Amino acid sequence: MISNLTDPIQASAGGADFARVRRIVKTDEFSSVFRLRPVQRTPHFVLYARVNDLTHARLGVVAAKRFAPRAVTRNTIKRMTREIFRRSSLLNVDCIVRLSRPVNSKDGPATTARLKRELRAEIVRLFAAQSRQGD
């Protein structure tokens, strides 16, 4: 189905999707945000943020293999982060969420309900703190 909206920002009004314009994809964009000090920390994540000149927020997620050896775990973290980001009400800020501590081992289960709940709660805390700072 072809959308009537041609502008990617209008097509993603309200942040209900994760269009390319809402992502940080270029290395220099990641670097410019990483140069800043972390804004918020949780037991497993670090949030970096920088105000941008756009009308919307953008997100980058870094889940290193050394902290989450299994691809299923890394993909789960990315999926949860994107979902929570879409539901947050952030404006004109570039956010990078980086996994900073191991979440499981190669021997243990890739994802458990308890692990997912803990990680989701941490990510929600990160974005909630960032949206309060923007107010």
N, C-alpha and C. Protein backbone atom coordinates (compact mmCIF):
# COMPACT_ATOMS: atom_id res chain seq x y z
N MET A 1 0.84 -1.17 0.00
CA MET A 1 0.00 0.00 0.00
C MET A 1 0.89 1.24 0.00
N ILE A 2 0.60 2.20 -0.85
CA ILE A 2 1.39 3.41 -0.95
C ILE A 2 0.73 4.49 -0.11
N SER A 3 1.55 5.16 0.69
CA SER A 3 1.05 6.22 1.56
C SER A 3 0.86 7.51 0.77
N ASN A 4 -0.13 8.29 1.15
CA ASN A 4 -0.36 9.58 0.52
C ASN A 4 0.64 10.62 0.99
N LEU A 5 1.26 10.39 2.12
CA LEU A 5 2.22 11.33 2.66
C LEU A 5 3.59 11.07 2.07
N THR A 6 4.20 12.09 1.53
CA THR A 6 5.52 11.92 0.94
C THR A 6 6.62 12.38 1.86
N ASP A 7 6.31 13.27 2.80
CA ASP A 7 7.31 13.77 3.73
C ASP A 7 7.51 12.73 4.84
N PRO A 8 8.75 12.22 5.04
CA PRO A 8 8.97 11.19 6.04
C PRO A 8 8.65 11.66 7.45
N ILE A 9 8.83 12.95 7.73
CA ILE A 9 8.51 13.45 9.06
C ILE A 9 7.00 13.42 9.28
N GLN A 10 6.23 13.88 8.28
CA GLN A 10 4.77 13.85 8.41
C GLN A 10 4.27 12.42 8.46
N ALA A 11 4.89 11.55 7.70
CA ALA A 11 4.47 10.16 7.69
C ALA A 11 4.69 9.52 9.05
N SER A 12 5.64 10.03 9.82
CA SER A 12 5.91 9.46 11.13
C SER A 12 5.49 10.41 12.24
N ALA A 13 4.49 11.22 11.98
CA ALA A 13 4.02 12.17 12.98
C ALA A 13 3.61 11.43 14.24
N GLY A 14 4.00 11.98 15.36
CA GLY A 14 3.69 11.35 16.63
C GLY A 14 4.68 10.28 17.00
N GLY A 15 5.64 9.98 16.17
CA GLY A 15 6.66 9.01 16.51
C GLY A 15 6.16 7.58 16.57
N ALA A 16 5.10 7.26 15.84
CA ALA A 16 4.52 5.93 15.90
C ALA A 16 5.36 4.89 15.16
N ASP A 17 6.34 5.33 14.41
CA ASP A 17 7.19 4.39 13.68
C ASP A 17 8.65 4.70 13.97
N PHE A 18 9.51 4.02 13.29
CA PHE A 18 10.94 4.26 13.47
C PHE A 18 11.57 4.45 12.10
N ALA A 19 11.13 5.47 11.39
CA ALA A 19 11.62 5.77 10.05
C ALA A 19 13.09 6.13 10.09
N ARG A 20 13.74 6.08 8.95
CA ARG A 20 15.17 6.37 8.87
C ARG A 20 15.52 7.76 9.40
N VAL A 21 14.63 8.73 9.24
CA VAL A 21 14.91 10.09 9.72
C VAL A 21 14.95 10.15 11.24
N ARG A 22 14.42 9.15 11.91
CA ARG A 22 14.43 9.10 13.37
C ARG A 22 15.62 8.30 13.93
N ARG A 23 16.50 7.87 13.05
CA ARG A 23 17.66 7.06 13.47
C ARG A 23 18.95 7.85 13.34
N ILE A 24 19.87 7.55 14.22
CA ILE A 24 21.24 8.04 14.06
C ILE A 24 21.97 6.91 13.37
N VAL A 25 22.45 7.15 12.15
CA VAL A 25 23.04 6.07 11.37
C VAL A 25 24.49 6.32 10.97
N LYS A 26 24.88 7.57 10.86
CA LYS A 26 26.22 7.87 10.37
C LYS A 26 27.23 7.89 11.53
N THR A 27 28.43 7.46 11.22
CA THR A 27 29.49 7.39 12.23
C THR A 27 29.77 8.74 12.85
N ASP A 28 29.80 9.80 12.04
CA ASP A 28 30.09 11.12 12.61
C ASP A 28 28.97 11.61 13.51
N GLU A 29 27.72 11.20 13.24
CA GLU A 29 26.61 11.56 14.12
C GLU A 29 26.75 10.85 15.47
N PHE A 30 27.11 9.57 15.44
CA PHE A 30 27.36 8.84 16.68
C PHE A 30 28.50 9.49 17.44
N SER A 31 29.58 9.81 16.75
CA SER A 31 30.76 10.39 17.40
C SER A 31 30.45 11.72 18.06
N SER A 32 29.64 12.55 17.40
CA SER A 32 29.33 13.86 17.98
C SER A 32 28.53 13.74 19.26
N VAL A 33 27.72 12.71 19.39
CA VAL A 33 26.95 12.50 20.62
C VAL A 33 27.83 11.82 21.67
N PHE A 34 28.67 10.87 21.26
CA PHE A 34 29.54 10.17 22.21
C PHE A 34 30.57 11.09 22.85
N ARG A 35 30.92 12.20 22.17
CA ARG A 35 31.90 13.13 22.74
C ARG A 35 31.41 13.76 24.03
N LEU A 36 30.10 13.80 24.20
CA LEU A 36 29.52 14.41 25.39
C LEU A 36 29.54 13.41 26.55
N ARG A 37 29.43 13.95 27.74
CA ARG A 37 29.36 13.08 28.90
C ARG A 37 28.01 12.36 28.94
N PRO A 38 27.98 11.17 29.52
CA PRO A 38 26.70 10.47 29.65
C PRO A 38 25.71 11.30 30.46
N VAL A 39 24.47 11.29 30.03
CA VAL A 39 23.42 12.04 30.70
C VAL A 39 22.85 11.24 31.86
N GLN A 40 22.68 9.95 31.63
CA GLN A 40 22.02 9.09 32.60
C GLN A 40 22.65 7.71 32.56
N ARG A 41 22.70 7.06 33.72
CA ARG A 41 23.22 5.69 33.81
C ARG A 41 22.24 4.82 34.57
N THR A 42 22.18 3.57 34.17
CA THR A 42 21.45 2.55 34.91
C THR A 42 22.43 1.39 35.07
N PRO A 43 22.05 0.34 35.78
CA PRO A 43 23.00 -0.77 35.95
C PRO A 43 23.55 -1.37 34.65
N HIS A 44 22.76 -1.38 33.57
CA HIS A 44 23.24 -1.99 32.32
C HIS A 44 23.42 -1.02 31.16
N PHE A 45 22.89 0.20 31.26
CA PHE A 45 22.89 1.11 30.12
C PHE A 45 23.45 2.48 30.45
N VAL A 46 23.89 3.17 29.39
CA VAL A 46 24.31 4.56 29.49
C VAL A 46 23.58 5.31 28.39
N LEU A 47 23.03 6.48 28.73
CA LEU A 47 22.35 7.31 27.75
C LEU A 47 23.18 8.55 27.49
N TYR A 48 23.46 8.80 26.22
CA TYR A 48 24.12 10.02 25.78
C TYR A 48 23.06 10.83 25.04
N ALA A 49 23.05 12.13 25.22
CA ALA A 49 22.05 12.96 24.54
C ALA A 49 22.66 14.29 24.15
N ARG A 50 22.16 14.81 23.03
CA ARG A 50 22.60 16.10 22.51
C ARG A 50 21.43 16.73 21.78
N VAL A 51 21.21 18.01 22.01
CA VAL A 51 20.14 18.72 21.31
C VAL A 51 20.50 18.80 19.83
N ASN A 52 19.51 18.58 18.96
CA ASN A 52 19.75 18.69 17.52
C ASN A 52 18.92 19.84 16.94
N ASP A 53 19.14 20.15 15.69
CA ASP A 53 18.45 21.25 15.02
C ASP A 53 17.20 20.79 14.27
N LEU A 54 16.77 19.58 14.51
CA LEU A 54 15.61 19.02 13.82
C LEU A 54 14.35 19.24 14.64
N THR A 55 13.23 18.87 14.09
CA THR A 55 11.97 19.01 14.80
C THR A 55 11.57 17.73 15.52
N HIS A 56 12.43 16.73 15.50
CA HIS A 56 12.11 15.45 16.10
C HIS A 56 13.36 14.86 16.75
N ALA A 57 13.14 13.88 17.59
CA ALA A 57 14.24 13.18 18.26
C ALA A 57 14.75 12.05 17.36
N ARG A 58 16.01 11.70 17.57
CA ARG A 58 16.61 10.57 16.84
C ARG A 58 17.27 9.63 17.84
N LEU A 59 17.38 8.37 17.47
CA LEU A 59 17.91 7.35 18.37
C LEU A 59 18.99 6.52 17.71
N GLY A 60 20.00 6.19 18.49
CA GLY A 60 21.01 5.22 18.10
C GLY A 60 21.14 4.22 19.24
N VAL A 61 21.31 2.95 18.92
CA VAL A 61 21.44 1.91 19.94
C VAL A 61 22.73 1.15 19.69
N VAL A 62 23.52 0.98 20.75
CA VAL A 62 24.76 0.23 20.64
C VAL A 62 24.70 -0.92 21.64
N ALA A 63 24.68 -2.13 21.14
CA ALA A 63 24.66 -3.33 21.97
C ALA A 63 25.83 -4.20 21.52
N ALA A 64 26.95 -4.07 22.21
CA ALA A 64 28.17 -4.78 21.81
C ALA A 64 28.08 -6.28 22.10
N LYS A 65 28.73 -7.03 21.24
CA LYS A 65 28.75 -8.48 21.37
C LYS A 65 29.42 -8.94 22.66
N ARG A 66 30.38 -8.16 23.14
CA ARG A 66 31.07 -8.59 24.37
C ARG A 66 30.17 -8.49 25.60
N PHE A 67 29.13 -7.65 25.55
CA PHE A 67 28.20 -7.53 26.67
C PHE A 67 26.95 -8.38 26.49
N ALA A 68 26.63 -8.73 25.26
CA ALA A 68 25.49 -9.59 24.96
C ALA A 68 25.92 -10.54 23.85
N PRO A 69 26.56 -11.66 24.20
CA PRO A 69 27.15 -12.54 23.20
C PRO A 69 26.16 -13.13 22.19
N ARG A 70 24.91 -13.26 22.58
CA ARG A 70 23.94 -13.87 21.68
C ARG A 70 23.17 -12.82 20.89
N ALA A 71 23.04 -13.04 19.61
CA ALA A 71 22.34 -12.10 18.73
C ALA A 71 20.91 -11.89 19.16
N VAL A 72 20.26 -12.93 19.65
CA VAL A 72 18.87 -12.80 20.07
C VAL A 72 18.75 -11.79 21.21
N THR A 73 19.72 -11.77 22.10
CA THR A 73 19.70 -10.82 23.22
C THR A 73 19.93 -9.40 22.71
N ARG A 74 20.92 -9.23 21.83
CA ARG A 74 21.19 -7.89 21.28
C ARG A 74 19.98 -7.36 20.52
N ASN A 75 19.35 -8.20 19.72
CA ASN A 75 18.18 -7.78 18.96
C ASN A 75 17.00 -7.45 19.88
N THR A 76 16.84 -8.20 20.95
CA THR A 76 15.78 -7.92 21.92
C THR A 76 16.00 -6.56 22.56
N ILE A 77 17.24 -6.27 22.93
CA ILE A 77 17.56 -4.97 23.54
C ILE A 77 17.26 -3.85 22.56
N LYS A 78 17.66 -4.00 21.32
CA LYS A 78 17.42 -2.96 20.31
C LYS A 78 15.92 -2.77 20.08
N ARG A 79 15.20 -3.87 19.99
CA ARG A 79 13.76 -3.80 19.75
C ARG A 79 13.04 -3.09 20.90
N MET A 80 13.38 -3.45 22.14
CA MET A 80 12.76 -2.81 23.30
C MET A 80 13.10 -1.32 23.34
N THR A 81 14.35 -0.99 23.07
CA THR A 81 14.77 0.42 23.11
C THR A 81 14.03 1.24 22.07
N ARG A 82 13.90 0.72 20.86
CA ARG A 82 13.17 1.43 19.81
C ARG A 82 11.70 1.61 20.18
N GLU A 83 11.09 0.57 20.73
CA GLU A 83 9.69 0.64 21.12
C GLU A 83 9.46 1.71 22.18
N ILE A 84 10.30 1.74 23.20
CA ILE A 84 10.16 2.72 24.27
C ILE A 84 10.46 4.13 23.74
N PHE A 85 11.43 4.26 22.86
CA PHE A 85 11.76 5.55 22.26
C PHE A 85 10.56 6.08 21.47
N ARG A 86 9.92 5.22 20.69
CA ARG A 86 8.75 5.64 19.90
C ARG A 86 7.64 6.17 20.79
N ARG A 87 7.48 5.58 21.95
CA ARG A 87 6.40 5.97 22.86
C ARG A 87 6.76 7.18 23.73
N SER A 88 8.03 7.54 23.77
CA SER A 88 8.43 8.68 24.59
C SER A 88 8.10 9.98 23.87
N SER A 89 8.10 11.05 24.60
CA SER A 89 7.73 12.35 24.01
C SER A 89 8.94 13.27 23.96
N LEU A 90 10.02 12.79 23.38
CA LEU A 90 11.23 13.60 23.28
C LEU A 90 11.17 14.48 22.04
N LEU A 91 11.68 15.69 22.17
CA LEU A 91 11.74 16.61 21.04
C LEU A 91 13.17 17.01 20.76
N ASN A 92 13.50 17.21 19.54
CA ASN A 92 14.80 17.67 19.02
C ASN A 92 16.01 17.32 19.88
N VAL A 93 16.19 16.03 20.09
CA VAL A 93 17.36 15.54 20.81
C VAL A 93 17.86 14.26 20.14
N ASP A 94 19.18 14.14 20.06
CA ASP A 94 19.79 12.90 19.58
C ASP A 94 20.14 12.07 20.81
N CYS A 95 19.65 10.86 20.87
CA CYS A 95 19.90 9.97 22.01
C CYS A 95 20.63 8.73 21.52
N ILE A 96 21.63 8.33 22.29
CA ILE A 96 22.28 7.05 22.04
C ILE A 96 22.20 6.25 23.33
N VAL A 97 21.66 5.06 23.22
CA VAL A 97 21.60 4.14 24.35
C VAL A 97 22.66 3.09 24.10
N ARG A 98 23.58 2.95 25.07
CA ARG A 98 24.69 2.00 24.92
C ARG A 98 24.64 0.99 26.05
N LEU A 99 24.71 -0.28 25.70
CA LEU A 99 24.82 -1.34 26.70
C LEU A 99 26.21 -1.26 27.30
N SER A 100 26.30 -1.19 28.64
CA SER A 100 27.61 -0.95 29.26
C SER A 100 28.07 -2.07 30.17
N ARG A 101 27.23 -3.07 30.41
CA ARG A 101 27.62 -4.21 31.25
C ARG A 101 27.04 -5.48 30.67
N PRO A 102 27.66 -6.62 30.94
CA PRO A 102 27.13 -7.89 30.42
C PRO A 102 25.72 -8.18 30.96
N VAL A 103 24.86 -8.69 30.08
CA VAL A 103 23.51 -9.03 30.50
C VAL A 103 23.30 -10.53 30.62
N ASN A 104 24.09 -11.30 29.93
CA ASN A 104 24.03 -12.76 30.07
C ASN A 104 25.31 -13.37 29.48
N SER A 105 25.44 -14.66 29.61
CA SER A 105 26.63 -15.32 29.09
C SER A 105 26.24 -16.24 27.94
N LYS A 106 27.25 -16.79 27.31
CA LYS A 106 26.98 -17.72 26.20
C LYS A 106 26.34 -19.00 26.72
N ASP A 107 26.61 -19.33 27.98
CA ASP A 107 26.08 -20.57 28.55
C ASP A 107 24.63 -20.43 29.01
N GLY A 108 24.27 -19.25 29.51
CA GLY A 108 22.94 -19.04 30.07
C GLY A 108 21.89 -18.85 29.00
N PRO A 109 20.65 -18.74 29.43
CA PRO A 109 19.57 -18.51 28.47
C PRO A 109 19.71 -17.14 27.81
N ALA A 110 19.33 -17.07 26.56
CA ALA A 110 19.49 -15.83 25.80
C ALA A 110 18.59 -14.74 26.35
N THR A 111 17.34 -15.03 26.52
CA THR A 111 16.41 -14.04 27.09
C THR A 111 15.45 -14.75 28.01
N THR A 112 15.21 -14.16 29.13
CA THR A 112 14.22 -14.68 30.07
C THR A 112 13.24 -13.55 30.36
N ALA A 113 12.10 -13.90 30.88
CA ALA A 113 11.10 -12.89 31.20
C ALA A 113 11.65 -11.91 32.24
N ARG A 114 12.39 -12.43 33.21
CA ARG A 114 12.95 -11.57 34.26
C ARG A 114 13.96 -10.59 33.67
N LEU A 115 14.84 -11.08 32.81
CA LEU A 115 15.84 -10.22 32.17
C LEU A 115 15.16 -9.14 31.34
N LYS A 116 14.16 -9.52 30.56
CA LYS A 116 13.44 -8.55 29.74
C LYS A 116 12.78 -7.48 30.59
N ARG A 117 12.16 -7.89 31.71
CA ARG A 117 11.51 -6.91 32.60
C ARG A 117 12.53 -5.93 33.17
N GLU A 118 13.66 -6.45 33.62
CA GLU A 118 14.70 -5.59 34.20
C GLU A 118 15.25 -4.60 33.16
N LEU A 119 15.57 -5.10 31.99
CA LEU A 119 16.12 -4.23 30.95
C LEU A 119 15.10 -3.19 30.50
N ARG A 120 13.85 -3.61 30.34
CA ARG A 120 12.79 -2.68 29.94
C ARG A 120 12.64 -1.57 30.98
N ALA A 121 12.65 -1.92 32.26
CA ALA A 121 12.51 -0.92 33.32
C ALA A 121 13.67 0.08 33.28
N GLU A 122 14.88 -0.40 33.03
CA GLU A 122 16.04 0.49 32.95
C GLU A 122 15.91 1.45 31.76
N ILE A 123 15.49 0.95 30.63
CA ILE A 123 15.36 1.79 29.43
C ILE A 123 14.26 2.83 29.63
N VAL A 124 13.16 2.43 30.24
CA VAL A 124 12.08 3.38 30.53
C VAL A 124 12.60 4.49 31.43
N ARG A 125 13.38 4.12 32.45
CA ARG A 125 13.96 5.13 33.35
C ARG A 125 14.85 6.11 32.60
N LEU A 126 15.65 5.61 31.66
CA LEU A 126 16.53 6.49 30.89
C LEU A 126 15.74 7.54 30.12
N PHE A 127 14.73 7.11 29.38
CA PHE A 127 13.96 8.04 28.57
C PHE A 127 13.08 8.94 29.42
N ALA A 128 12.58 8.44 30.54
CA ALA A 128 11.77 9.28 31.43
C ALA A 128 12.62 10.41 31.99
N ALA A 129 13.84 10.10 32.39
CA ALA A 129 14.73 11.13 32.92
C ALA A 129 15.07 12.16 31.84
N GLN A 130 15.26 11.70 30.61
CA GLN A 130 15.59 12.61 29.51
C GLN A 130 14.41 13.50 29.17
N SER A 131 13.20 12.96 29.18
CA SER A 131 12.03 13.80 28.86
C SER A 131 11.78 14.83 29.95
N ARG A 132 12.09 14.52 31.22
CA ARG A 132 11.96 15.50 32.30
C ARG A 132 12.96 16.62 32.13
N GLN A 133 14.17 16.29 31.65
CA GLN A 133 15.19 17.32 31.45
C GLN A 133 14.80 18.26 30.32
N GLY A 134 14.08 17.75 29.33
CA GLY A 134 13.65 18.56 28.20
C GLY A 134 12.54 19.53 28.54
N ASP A 135 11.81 19.25 29.63
CA ASP A 135 10.69 20.13 30.02
C ASP A 135 11.16 21.42 30.63
